[in-house]
Amino acid sequence: MSIEVIINPGGVTETILGVPGPQGPAGPKGDQGDQGPQGVAGPQGAIGPQGLQGAAGLTGSVGPQGDQGPAGIQGPQGDTGPQGTQGPPGQDGIMSLPTEFGTGDPVNIDYVTAKGADLFTNGTGLLGNTYNAPTGPKAPVFDSVVTPNLPGAFRYDGYAGGSLPSTEFMAVDPNAIYRLRAYIRQEGLAGDWSAYAYEERHRQYMGLKCYDIDKNEIISDNHKRYHDGGTDSLTTLAAPLTPGDTTITVADATGWNNSGGTSHAGVIIFEYKNSLGVKYDDYSRIYQRALWDAGGVNKTTNVITLNQGFPSALGNPDDANGTWPVGTKIANQSAFALKYGLFAALIVPAVDTWYRTTNFMGGIDRSGTDVQSNFPPGTAFVKMFIGPNDTNVSGGSGGWPDTGADHSVWIAGLSVVPEPQGVLVAEANGSKTLKV
């Protein structure tokens, strides 16, 4: 089709279409034109049917642990299982105790009952044996028949046996008063004993042996001082004293013994220390007897001439040469004696009869005179002792008869208890008087 444009004189443009002619043959295909812009998206079509399930994907990593849920309800108790195999037997006698309790064996109910409120264990024979009864070369026999209405008694047969101590150490307060008690009975013998003042009865002794904190026995030699005419021999060194010296020079020899002899011619140096390093004032284990002869003490010059060199055993342990310095406390040591705190030289009024004996002991004796009712300085423990049938010796002696190797004496009801109602009165010489 052709288009012809005619411009009219009036300025109006008109388009006049001519009559179309017949269609000509198709021309060759032209080149493709540039792609037009994308059209606007049409509305979403309907969802098609679900396809087949795809293969499983890889496992993901574990996530963090969630919070713990509440506890579930407890299930019912299960049935009891069968008994296990018995273990091996334990060791006998093994008991664990705190180290603060010290060493030694634990005790049982019978032991505690036999001790009761007393310091002395088995004093009534409640254990049915001789445990803790005074013993030694002459051992006691337990007697459940001849007793003063107690479970048992301890019988000693025959000749004198010396001083026999009990087994256990009893801790005491030496500043306090204690009541001592025991029953005693002497066996009667057939025959005529009228030729003797006390017939077949013998002297009996009983008291306390005293011990320091290290359980060393304290005898009178450890604290008793010689007194000449009532003057105490306690003084100090006026010149150094070294082992080997043949003289001792003191500040004042007025109270010293110039008669010699074994029992009253020794020295005691009051510088002894116990295992804890504590020094005592009036108790010492640094002593020796028989160091000078009669006339060896010059009370004018205060010089004591020895019959031997001063013993090395008495030397100062804190000095390389064992020398004691000027000012050291020293005294003339005195004789040996036991503490017969319950009875001394007791002769029972009649045979085959029980007698109850009671006495008291307490306070510290610092007088140097060995007061029988006081504890010696340094006392921490005590034991009871007995000297049975002291005057019964083979063949007789001193007007006392030989009553044979089977002559018996019994003791029972041994007791040591505090006496809270007692009062101690301090004396000027350092001893104590008991008011009970």
Protein backbone atom coordinates (compact mmCIF):
# COMPACT_ATOMS: atom_id res chain seq x y z
CA MET A 1 0.00 0.00 0.00
CA SER A 2 1.22 3.54 -0.84
CA ILE A 3 0.37 6.67 1.04
CA GLU A 4 0.20 9.99 -0.65
CA VAL A 5 0.22 13.22 1.29
CA ILE A 6 -1.51 16.36 -0.12
CA ILE A 7 -1.12 19.66 1.57
CA ASN A 8 -4.23 21.81 1.17
CA PRO A 9 -4.17 25.56 0.88
CA GLY A 10 -6.05 25.88 4.27
CA GLY A 11 -3.18 24.25 6.22
CA VAL A 12 -5.23 21.13 6.86
CA THR A 13 -3.49 17.93 6.43
CA GLU A 14 -5.50 15.03 5.19
CA THR A 15 -4.59 11.52 4.66
CA ILE A 16 -6.06 9.81 1.67
CA LEU A 17 -5.70 6.08 1.45
CA GLY A 18 -5.42 4.63 -1.96
CA VAL A 19 -7.08 1.43 -3.07
CA PRO A 20 -4.87 -1.54 -2.16
CA GLY A 21 -3.47 -3.53 -4.99
CA PRO A 22 -2.96 -7.18 -5.06
CA GLN A 23 -0.41 -8.73 -2.67
CA GLY A 24 2.98 -9.12 -4.04
CA PRO A 25 5.21 -12.03 -3.42
CA ALA A 26 6.94 -12.28 0.00
CA GLY A 27 10.22 -10.54 0.21
CA PRO A 28 13.26 -11.98 1.84
CA LYS A 29 13.26 -12.22 5.72
CA GLY A 30 14.78 -9.20 7.32
CA ASP A 31 17.31 -9.18 10.09
CA GLN A 32 15.95 -9.81 13.68
CA GLY A 33 15.45 -6.69 15.60
CA ASP A 34 16.68 -5.92 19.08
CA GLN A 35 14.86 -7.71 22.05
CA GLY A 36 12.22 -5.62 23.54
CA PRO A 37 11.87 -4.92 27.24
CA GLN A 38 10.52 -7.72 29.60
CA GLY A 39 6.86 -7.62 30.04
CA VAL A 40 5.07 -7.22 33.31
CA ALA A 41 4.83 -10.49 35.36
CA GLY A 42 1.51 -12.21 35.12
CA PRO A 43 -0.47 -13.47 38.11
CA GLN A 44 0.83 -16.61 40.03
CA GLY A 45 -0.47 -19.81 38.66
CA ALA A 46 -2.20 -22.46 40.74
CA ILE A 47 0.01 -24.82 42.95
CA GLY A 48 0.79 -27.98 41.13
CA PRO A 49 0.57 -31.42 42.68
CA GLN A 50 3.26 -32.49 45.32
CA GLY A 51 6.31 -34.08 43.83
CA LEU A 52 8.10 -37.18 45.05
CA GLN A 53 10.11 -36.92 48.40
CA GLY A 54 13.71 -36.04 47.85
CA ALA A 55 16.68 -37.93 49.31
CA ALA A 56 17.56 -37.23 53.03
CA GLY A 57 20.02 -34.41 53.61
CA LEU A 58 23.21 -34.61 55.65
CA THR A 59 22.89 -34.79 59.54
CA GLY A 60 23.30 -31.38 61.19
CA SER A 61 25.70 -30.70 64.10
CA VAL A 62 24.52 -31.26 67.73
CA GLY A 63 23.08 -28.17 69.34
CA PRO A 64 23.83 -26.96 72.93
CA GLN A 65 22.42 -29.00 75.87
CA GLY A 66 19.08 -27.79 77.10
CA ASP A 67 18.19 -27.00 80.75
CA GLN A 68 17.72 -29.98 83.11
CA GLY A 69 14.14 -30.95 83.52
CA PRO A 70 12.48 -31.52 86.94
CA ALA A 71 13.25 -34.74 88.88
CA GLY A 72 11.07 -37.63 88.00
CA ILE A 73 9.01 -39.55 90.53
CA GLN A 74 11.10 -42.13 92.49
CA GLY A 75 10.43 -45.63 91.33
CA PRO A 76 9.61 -48.51 93.67
CA GLN A 77 12.47 -50.09 95.74
CA GLY A 78 14.10 -53.00 94.03
CA ASP A 79 14.42 -56.44 95.54
CA THR A 80 17.28 -57.11 98.06
CA GLY A 81 20.27 -58.67 96.37
CA PRO A 82 22.01 -61.80 97.68
CA GLN A 83 24.44 -61.46 100.67
CA GLY A 84 28.02 -60.76 99.69
CA THR A 85 30.99 -62.94 100.56
CA GLN A 86 32.28 -62.48 104.13
CA GLY A 87 35.49 -60.46 104.31
CA PRO A 88 38.68 -61.59 106.07
CA PRO A 89 38.72 -61.41 109.93
CA GLY A 90 39.98 -58.18 111.50
CA GLN A 91 42.91 -57.90 113.89
CA ASP A 92 42.20 -58.36 117.60
CA GLY A 93 42.72 -55.51 120.02
CA ILE A 94 43.22 -52.72 117.49
CA MET A 95 41.49 -49.45 118.39
CA SER A 96 42.17 -46.02 116.95
CA LEU A 97 42.62 -43.34 119.62
CA PRO A 98 43.51 -39.64 119.26
CA THR A 99 47.23 -39.00 119.68
CA GLU A 100 46.34 -36.42 122.35
CA PHE A 101 45.30 -39.32 124.59
CA GLY A 102 48.92 -40.46 124.81
CA THR A 103 50.08 -44.05 124.73
CA GLY A 104 48.69 -47.06 126.54
CA ASP A 105 45.87 -49.55 126.25
CA PRO A 106 42.17 -48.65 126.17
CA VAL A 107 40.03 -49.91 129.06
CA ASN A 108 36.80 -51.89 129.27
CA ILE A 109 33.65 -51.57 131.36
CA ASP A 110 34.90 -53.90 134.11
CA TYR A 111 38.01 -51.79 134.58
CA VAL A 112 36.04 -48.53 134.73
CA THR A 113 33.63 -50.09 137.24
CA ALA A 114 36.50 -51.36 139.40
CA LYS A 115 37.96 -47.86 139.51
CA GLY A 116 34.73 -45.99 140.17
CA ALA A 117 35.28 -42.52 141.62
CA ASP A 118 38.56 -43.60 143.26
CA LEU A 119 42.08 -42.92 142.05
CA PHE A 120 42.99 -46.49 142.99
CA THR A 121 41.77 -49.20 140.58
CA ASN A 122 40.54 -52.58 141.87
CA GLY A 123 41.03 -51.64 145.49
CA THR A 124 38.01 -53.77 146.47
CA GLY A 125 39.08 -56.74 144.31
CA LEU A 126 36.09 -56.27 141.99
CA LEU A 127 38.09 -57.59 139.01
CA GLY A 128 38.45 -60.91 140.79
CA ASN A 129 42.24 -60.88 140.62
CA THR A 130 45.32 -59.11 142.00
CA TYR A 131 45.53 -56.45 139.27
CA ASN A 132 47.10 -53.25 140.67
CA ALA A 133 47.64 -54.77 144.13
CA PRO A 134 51.01 -53.79 145.66
CA THR A 135 53.53 -56.34 144.48
CA GLY A 136 57.22 -57.03 144.02
CA PRO A 137 59.50 -59.85 145.18
CA LYS A 138 56.57 -60.92 147.35
CA ALA A 139 53.47 -61.25 145.18
CA PRO A 140 49.99 -61.13 146.71
CA VAL A 141 47.34 -63.86 146.45
CA PHE A 142 43.74 -62.97 145.61
CA ASP A 143 41.35 -64.11 148.36
CA SER A 144 37.58 -64.02 147.77
CA VAL A 145 36.75 -65.74 151.07
CA VAL A 146 38.54 -63.78 153.79
CA THR A 147 37.36 -60.22 153.08
CA PRO A 148 35.75 -57.32 155.00
CA ASN A 149 32.45 -57.75 153.05
CA LEU A 150 34.16 -56.76 149.80
CA PRO A 151 34.56 -58.73 146.53
CA GLY A 152 38.10 -59.71 147.47
CA ALA A 153 41.26 -59.07 149.47
CA PHE A 154 45.01 -59.36 148.81
CA ARG A 155 46.91 -61.79 151.01
CA TYR A 156 50.66 -61.62 151.70
CA ASP A 157 52.32 -64.69 153.18
CA GLY A 158 55.53 -65.21 155.10
CA TYR A 159 58.56 -63.10 155.86
CA ALA A 160 59.12 -59.37 155.35
CA GLY A 161 59.04 -58.44 151.66
CA GLY A 162 60.23 -54.84 151.57
CA SER A 163 58.12 -51.96 150.24
CA LEU A 164 55.83 -53.29 147.49
CA PRO A 165 54.25 -50.65 145.15
CA SER A 166 50.98 -50.86 143.23
CA THR A 167 51.03 -50.99 139.43
CA GLU A 168 49.29 -47.84 138.26
CA PHE A 169 50.51 -44.26 138.52
CA MET A 170 47.84 -42.02 140.05
CA ALA A 171 48.04 -38.36 139.02
CA VAL A 172 47.61 -35.99 141.98
CA ASP A 173 47.53 -32.28 142.73
CA PRO A 174 50.19 -31.93 145.46
CA ASN A 175 48.56 -28.69 146.64
CA ALA A 176 45.42 -30.63 147.64
CA ILE A 177 44.58 -33.09 150.45
CA TYR A 178 43.84 -36.77 149.83
CA ARG A 179 42.21 -39.38 152.07
CA LEU A 180 44.06 -42.74 152.20
CA ARG A 181 42.21 -45.85 153.36
CA ALA A 182 42.71 -49.62 153.64
CA TYR A 183 41.53 -52.57 155.70
CA ILE A 184 44.13 -54.86 157.33
CA ARG A 185 44.00 -58.23 159.09
CA GLN A 186 46.75 -60.34 160.70
CA GLU A 187 46.42 -64.12 160.81
CA GLY A 188 46.32 -65.77 164.22
CA LEU A 189 48.62 -68.79 164.76
CA ALA A 190 48.29 -71.81 166.98
CA GLY A 191 50.70 -72.12 169.90
CA ASP A 192 51.88 -70.06 172.83
CA TRP A 193 53.33 -66.68 171.76
CA SER A 194 53.06 -65.01 175.15
CA ALA A 195 56.83 -64.71 175.47
CA TYR A 196 56.72 -61.89 172.94
CA ALA A 197 55.31 -58.44 173.67
CA TYR A 198 52.93 -58.56 170.71
CA GLU A 199 52.73 -62.35 170.49
CA GLU A 200 52.50 -63.44 166.80
CA ARG A 201 51.55 -59.96 165.54
CA HIS A 202 54.07 -58.02 163.43
CA ARG A 203 54.68 -54.44 162.37
CA GLN A 204 52.98 -53.36 159.14
CA TYR A 205 53.70 -50.32 156.97
CA MET A 206 51.65 -48.62 154.25
CA GLY A 207 51.78 -45.30 152.43
CA LEU A 208 52.49 -43.60 149.12
CA LYS A 209 55.48 -43.64 146.83
CA CYS A 210 55.78 -40.32 144.99
CA TYR A 211 56.99 -39.70 141.43
CA ASP A 212 57.86 -36.64 139.34
CA ILE A 213 56.47 -35.69 135.92
CA ASP A 214 58.97 -38.08 134.28
CA LYS A 215 57.82 -40.87 136.64
CA ASN A 216 61.10 -40.95 138.55
CA GLU A 217 60.56 -42.03 142.15
CA ILE A 218 61.14 -39.21 144.64
CA ILE A 219 62.86 -40.36 147.83
CA SER A 220 63.92 -38.25 150.79
CA ASP A 221 67.45 -37.94 149.36
CA ASN A 222 65.94 -35.82 146.56
CA HIS A 223 64.73 -33.06 148.88
CA LYS A 224 65.59 -33.69 152.55
CA ARG A 225 68.23 -31.36 154.01
CA TYR A 226 70.33 -31.83 157.14
CA HIS A 227 69.57 -29.50 160.03
CA ASP A 228 72.22 -29.06 162.74
CA GLY A 229 70.65 -27.88 165.98
CA GLY A 230 67.61 -26.74 164.06
CA THR A 231 69.65 -24.72 161.54
CA ASP A 232 68.95 -25.58 157.89
CA SER A 233 72.03 -26.50 155.84
CA LEU A 234 70.61 -24.84 152.70
CA THR A 235 73.12 -22.27 151.43
CA THR A 236 74.96 -21.26 148.24
CA LEU A 237 78.41 -21.82 146.77
CA ALA A 238 80.97 -19.16 147.70
CA ALA A 239 83.47 -20.48 145.15
CA PRO A 240 83.07 -22.34 141.83
CA LEU A 241 82.81 -26.13 142.15
CA THR A 242 84.19 -28.41 139.43
CA PRO A 243 84.32 -32.23 139.27
CA GLY A 244 87.62 -33.38 140.76
CA ASP A 245 87.77 -30.60 143.37
CA THR A 246 88.60 -31.85 146.87
CA THR A 247 86.88 -29.03 148.78
CA ILE A 248 83.55 -27.23 148.68
CA THR A 249 83.34 -23.63 149.84
CA VAL A 250 79.88 -22.43 150.85
CA ALA A 251 78.46 -19.15 152.08
CA ASP A 252 77.40 -20.63 155.45
CA ALA A 253 78.20 -24.12 156.81
CA THR A 254 76.46 -23.63 160.17
CA GLY A 255 73.72 -26.19 159.46
CA TRP A 256 76.07 -28.86 158.03
CA ASN A 257 76.86 -32.20 159.68
CA ASN A 258 80.43 -32.53 160.95
CA SER A 259 80.07 -36.10 162.21
CA GLY A 260 80.50 -37.86 158.90
CA GLY A 261 78.72 -41.13 158.27
CA THR A 262 76.86 -42.48 155.27
CA SER A 263 73.40 -41.02 155.75
CA HIS A 264 74.19 -37.39 156.58
CA ALA A 265 77.47 -36.58 154.83
CA GLY A 266 76.32 -35.95 151.27
CA VAL A 267 75.44 -32.96 149.11
CA ILE A 268 72.41 -32.05 147.04
CA ILE A 269 72.54 -29.34 144.37
CA PHE A 270 69.19 -27.70 143.63
CA GLU A 271 69.65 -27.13 139.90
CA TYR A 272 67.87 -30.20 138.51
CA LYS A 273 65.68 -29.82 135.38
CA ASN A 274 63.03 -32.27 134.22
CA SER A 275 62.56 -33.50 130.65
CA LEU A 276 60.58 -30.33 129.85
CA GLY A 277 63.51 -28.16 130.89
CA VAL A 278 61.81 -26.92 134.08
CA LYS A 279 64.06 -26.39 137.11
CA TYR A 280 62.81 -27.24 140.59
CA ASP A 281 63.47 -25.09 143.67
CA ASP A 282 63.43 -27.73 146.43
CA TYR A 283 63.74 -31.05 144.55
CA SER A 284 66.82 -32.42 142.81
CA ARG A 285 68.27 -35.65 141.45
CA ILE A 286 71.81 -34.22 141.66
CA TYR A 287 73.00 -35.66 144.98
CA GLN A 288 75.39 -38.17 146.52
CA ARG A 289 75.96 -39.52 150.02
CA ALA A 290 79.11 -40.12 152.08
CA LEU A 291 81.38 -37.45 150.55
CA TRP A 292 83.30 -36.45 153.73
CA ASP A 293 84.38 -37.98 156.97
CA ALA A 294 83.94 -36.84 160.57
CA GLY A 295 85.61 -33.46 161.09
CA GLY A 296 85.44 -32.63 157.38
CA VAL A 297 83.26 -29.54 157.85
CA ASN A 298 84.99 -26.34 159.01
CA LYS A 299 82.21 -24.06 160.19
CA THR A 300 84.59 -21.15 160.63
CA THR A 301 85.98 -21.07 157.09
CA ASN A 302 82.82 -22.67 155.60
CA VAL A 303 84.97 -25.20 153.75
CA ILE A 304 84.01 -28.89 153.45
CA THR A 305 86.96 -31.21 152.80
CA LEU A 306 85.93 -34.22 150.72
CA ASN A 307 87.16 -37.80 151.04
CA GLN A 308 87.30 -38.03 147.23
CA GLY A 309 87.28 -35.71 144.27
CA PHE A 310 83.92 -34.07 143.64
CA PRO A 311 82.04 -36.66 141.52
CA SER A 312 81.66 -36.01 137.80
CA ALA A 313 78.09 -37.33 138.03
CA LEU A 314 77.26 -34.20 140.04
CA GLY A 315 78.76 -31.81 137.51
CA ASN A 316 76.88 -28.97 135.82
CA PRO A 317 75.36 -30.38 132.58
CA ASP A 318 75.19 -26.89 131.09
CA ASP A 319 78.93 -26.23 131.45
CA ALA A 320 81.66 -27.84 129.33
CA ASN A 321 83.79 -28.45 132.44
CA GLY A 322 80.85 -29.33 134.68
CA THR A 323 81.53 -26.27 136.86
CA TRP A 324 78.87 -24.90 139.18
CA PRO A 325 79.17 -21.12 139.57
CA VAL A 326 79.17 -19.01 142.73
CA GLY A 327 75.60 -18.60 144.02
CA THR A 328 74.46 -22.14 143.15
CA LYS A 329 71.96 -23.51 145.74
CA ILE A 330 73.47 -26.41 147.67
CA ALA A 331 72.70 -28.25 150.92
CA ASN A 332 73.90 -31.08 153.13
CA GLN A 333 71.74 -34.03 151.89
CA SER A 334 70.07 -36.12 154.57
CA ALA A 335 68.91 -39.70 155.18
CA PHE A 336 66.52 -41.93 153.30
CA ALA A 337 62.93 -42.55 154.46
CA LEU A 338 59.63 -43.60 152.91
CA LYS A 339 56.31 -41.74 153.06
CA TYR A 340 54.30 -43.91 155.45
CA GLY A 341 51.25 -41.76 154.86
CA LEU A 342 48.67 -44.38 155.90
CA PHE A 343 50.36 -46.17 158.80
CA ALA A 344 53.87 -46.84 160.10
CA ALA A 345 54.87 -49.69 162.43
CA LEU A 346 51.20 -50.59 162.87
CA ILE A 347 50.51 -53.58 165.12
CA VAL A 348 46.86 -54.62 165.01
CA PRO A 349 45.20 -54.98 168.42
CA ALA A 350 44.01 -58.53 167.77
CA VAL A 351 44.51 -61.29 165.21
CA ASP A 352 41.85 -62.62 162.82
CA THR A 353 40.03 -59.28 162.93
CA TRP A 354 39.56 -56.68 160.18
CA TYR A 355 40.58 -53.09 160.96
CA ARG A 356 39.86 -50.09 158.75
CA THR A 357 42.67 -47.53 158.67
CA THR A 358 42.32 -43.95 157.43
CA ASN A 359 44.82 -41.12 157.13
CA PHE A 360 45.41 -37.97 155.09
CA MET A 361 48.20 -36.59 152.97
CA GLY A 362 48.48 -33.26 151.17
CA GLY A 363 50.36 -30.03 150.56
CA ILE A 364 53.97 -29.62 149.47
CA ASP A 365 56.73 -29.86 152.06
CA ARG A 366 59.41 -27.23 151.37
CA SER A 367 60.93 -27.43 154.86
CA GLY A 368 63.56 -30.01 153.92
CA THR A 369 62.49 -32.11 156.92
CA ASP A 370 60.48 -34.74 155.01
CA VAL A 371 57.13 -34.25 156.75
CA GLN A 372 55.27 -37.56 156.45
CA SER A 373 51.84 -36.05 155.82
CA ASN A 374 53.07 -33.75 153.01
CA PHE A 375 53.98 -34.50 149.41
CA PRO A 376 57.66 -33.98 148.53
CA PRO A 377 58.45 -31.17 146.08
CA GLY A 378 58.17 -32.28 142.46
CA THR A 379 55.32 -34.77 143.03
CA ALA A 380 53.07 -35.41 140.00
CA PHE A 381 52.09 -39.08 140.52
CA VAL A 382 51.76 -41.52 143.42
CA LYS A 383 51.46 -45.27 143.99
CA MET A 384 50.28 -47.06 147.13
CA PHE A 385 52.76 -49.41 148.79
CA ILE A 386 52.78 -51.92 151.64
CA GLY A 387 55.55 -53.30 153.81
CA PRO A 388 53.90 -56.52 155.05
CA ASN A 389 55.10 -58.45 158.12
CA ASP A 390 58.10 -56.16 158.39
CA THR A 391 59.41 -57.75 161.60
CA ASN A 392 58.94 -61.38 160.56
CA VAL A 393 62.42 -62.58 159.59
CA SER A 394 63.86 -66.05 159.50
CA GLY A 395 65.21 -66.96 162.94
CA GLY A 396 63.56 -63.93 164.60
CA SER A 397 65.22 -60.60 165.32
CA GLY A 398 65.11 -57.74 167.83
CA GLY A 399 62.67 -59.43 170.14
CA TRP A 400 60.27 -60.32 167.33
CA PRO A 401 59.40 -63.99 166.71
CA ASP A 402 59.91 -65.96 163.52
CA THR A 403 56.30 -66.79 162.72
CA GLY A 404 57.13 -68.77 159.60
CA ALA A 405 57.05 -68.52 155.83
CA ASP A 406 53.27 -68.96 155.67
CA HIS A 407 52.14 -66.37 158.21
CA SER A 408 49.55 -64.21 156.43
CA VAL A 409 48.44 -60.60 156.47
CA TRP A 410 45.58 -59.30 154.30
CA ILE A 411 44.79 -55.85 152.94
CA ALA A 412 41.59 -54.79 151.20
CA GLY A 413 39.57 -51.73 150.23
CA LEU A 414 42.62 -49.72 149.09
CA SER A 415 41.53 -46.16 148.35
CA VAL A 416 42.98 -42.74 147.46
CA VAL A 417 40.43 -39.94 146.99
CA PRO A 418 40.52 -36.13 147.20
CA GLU A 419 39.37 -34.62 150.51
CA PRO A 420 37.67 -31.35 149.50
CA GLN A 421 36.79 -30.33 153.07
CA GLY A 422 40.40 -30.35 154.28
CA VAL A 423 42.41 -27.19 154.96
CA LEU A 424 46.18 -26.70 154.66
CA VAL A 425 47.97 -24.34 157.04
CA ALA A 426 51.36 -23.04 155.87
CA GLU A 427 54.06 -23.20 158.54
CA ALA A 428 57.06 -20.86 158.83
CA ASN A 429 59.54 -23.61 157.92
CA GLY A 430 57.80 -24.36 154.59
CA SER A 431 55.80 -27.41 155.65
CA LYS A 432 51.98 -27.71 155.72
CA THR A 433 49.71 -28.72 158.59
CA LEU A 434 46.53 -30.60 157.60
CA LYS A 435 43.17 -29.71 159.13
CA VAL A 436 40.60 -32.41 158.29
